[in-house]
C-alpha atoms as a PDB file:
ATOM      1  CA  MET A   1      -8.379  65.759  22.629  1.00  0.00           C
ATOM      2  CA  LYS A   2      -9.321  68.549  25.105  1.00  0.00           C
ATOM      3  CA  THR A   3     -11.193  72.252  23.897  1.00  0.00           C
ATOM      4  CA  SER A   4      -9.864  74.455  26.143  1.00  0.00           C
ATOM      5  CA  SER A   5     -10.588  78.402  26.320  1.00  0.00           C
ATOM      6  CA  SER A   6      -6.554  78.906  27.508  1.00  0.00           C
ATOM      7  CA  LEU A   7      -3.849  76.732  25.862  1.00  0.00           C
ATOM      8  CA  LYS A   8      -0.981  78.468  27.682  1.00  0.00           C
ATOM      9  CA  THR A   9      -1.504  76.533  30.948  1.00  0.00           C
ATOM     10  CA  LEU A  10      -1.746  73.457  28.732  1.00  0.00           C
ATOM     11  CA  LYS A  11       1.427  73.837  26.704  1.00  0.00           C
ATOM     12  CA  LYS A  12       3.179  74.183  30.354  1.00  0.00           C
ATOM     13  CA  ARG A  13       2.337  70.743  31.467  1.00  0.00           C
ATOM     14  CA  ASP A  14       4.836  69.196  29.459  1.00  0.00           C
ATOM     15  CA  ARG A  15       8.142  70.267  27.728  1.00  0.00           C
ATOM     16  CA  ASN A  16       7.796  68.698  24.610  1.00  0.00           C
ATOM     17  CA  CYS A  17       4.032  70.406  23.935  1.00  0.00           C
ATOM     18  CA  ARG A  18       4.215  72.516  21.104  1.00  0.00           C
ATOM     19  CA  ILE A  19       1.471  75.508  20.134  1.00  0.00           C
ATOM     20  CA  ILE A  20       0.700  74.999  16.312  1.00  0.00           C
ATOM     21  CA  ARG A  21      -2.324  76.875  14.013  1.00  0.00           C
ATOM     22  CA  ARG A  22      -3.775  75.093  11.493  1.00  0.00           C
ATOM     23  CA  LYS A  23      -6.919  76.207   9.539  1.00  0.00           C
ATOM     24  CA  GLY A  24      -7.971  79.206  12.128  1.00  0.00           C
ATOM     25  CA  ARG A  25      -7.456  76.588  14.751  1.00  0.00           C
ATOM     26  CA  ILE A  26      -4.828  76.751  17.956  1.00  0.00           C
ATOM     27  CA  TYR A  27      -3.605  73.124  19.076  1.00  0.00           C
ATOM     28  CA  VAL A  28      -1.697  72.267  21.300  1.00  0.00           C
ATOM     29  CA  ILE A  29       0.101  68.893  19.992  1.00  0.00           C
ATOM     30  CA  ASN A  30       2.876  66.909  21.903  1.00  0.00           C
ATOM     31  CA  LYS A  31       4.730  63.963  19.508  1.00  0.00           C
ATOM     32  CA  LYS A  32       6.462  62.329  22.575  1.00  0.00           C
ATOM     33  CA  ASN A  33       2.920  61.862  24.773  1.00  0.00           C
ATOM     34  CA  PRO A  34       0.317  62.130  22.670  1.00  0.00           C
ATOM     35  CA  ARG A  35      -2.496  62.376  25.420  1.00  0.00           C
ATOM     36  CA  PHE A  36      -1.593  66.478  25.963  1.00  0.00           C
ATOM     37  CA  LYS A  37      -3.603  67.005  22.755  1.00  0.00           C
ATOM     38  CA  ALA A  38      -5.683  70.133  23.140  1.00  0.00           C
ATOM     39  CA  ARG A  39      -7.393  72.673  20.458  1.00  0.00           C
ATOM     40  CA  GLN A  40      -8.660  75.792  21.094  1.00  0.00           C
ATOM     41  CA  GLY A  41     -11.324  77.482  18.717  1.00  0.00           C
END
């Protein structure tokens, strides 16, 4: 899982990416292709 300062660019890498907030952290998850996972914070 990548840690990134800007998730907006990571969200654009694949159209199945979703931005989700969990426990004060922001995550990009992708169920179809899990290698696009990332988090911020």
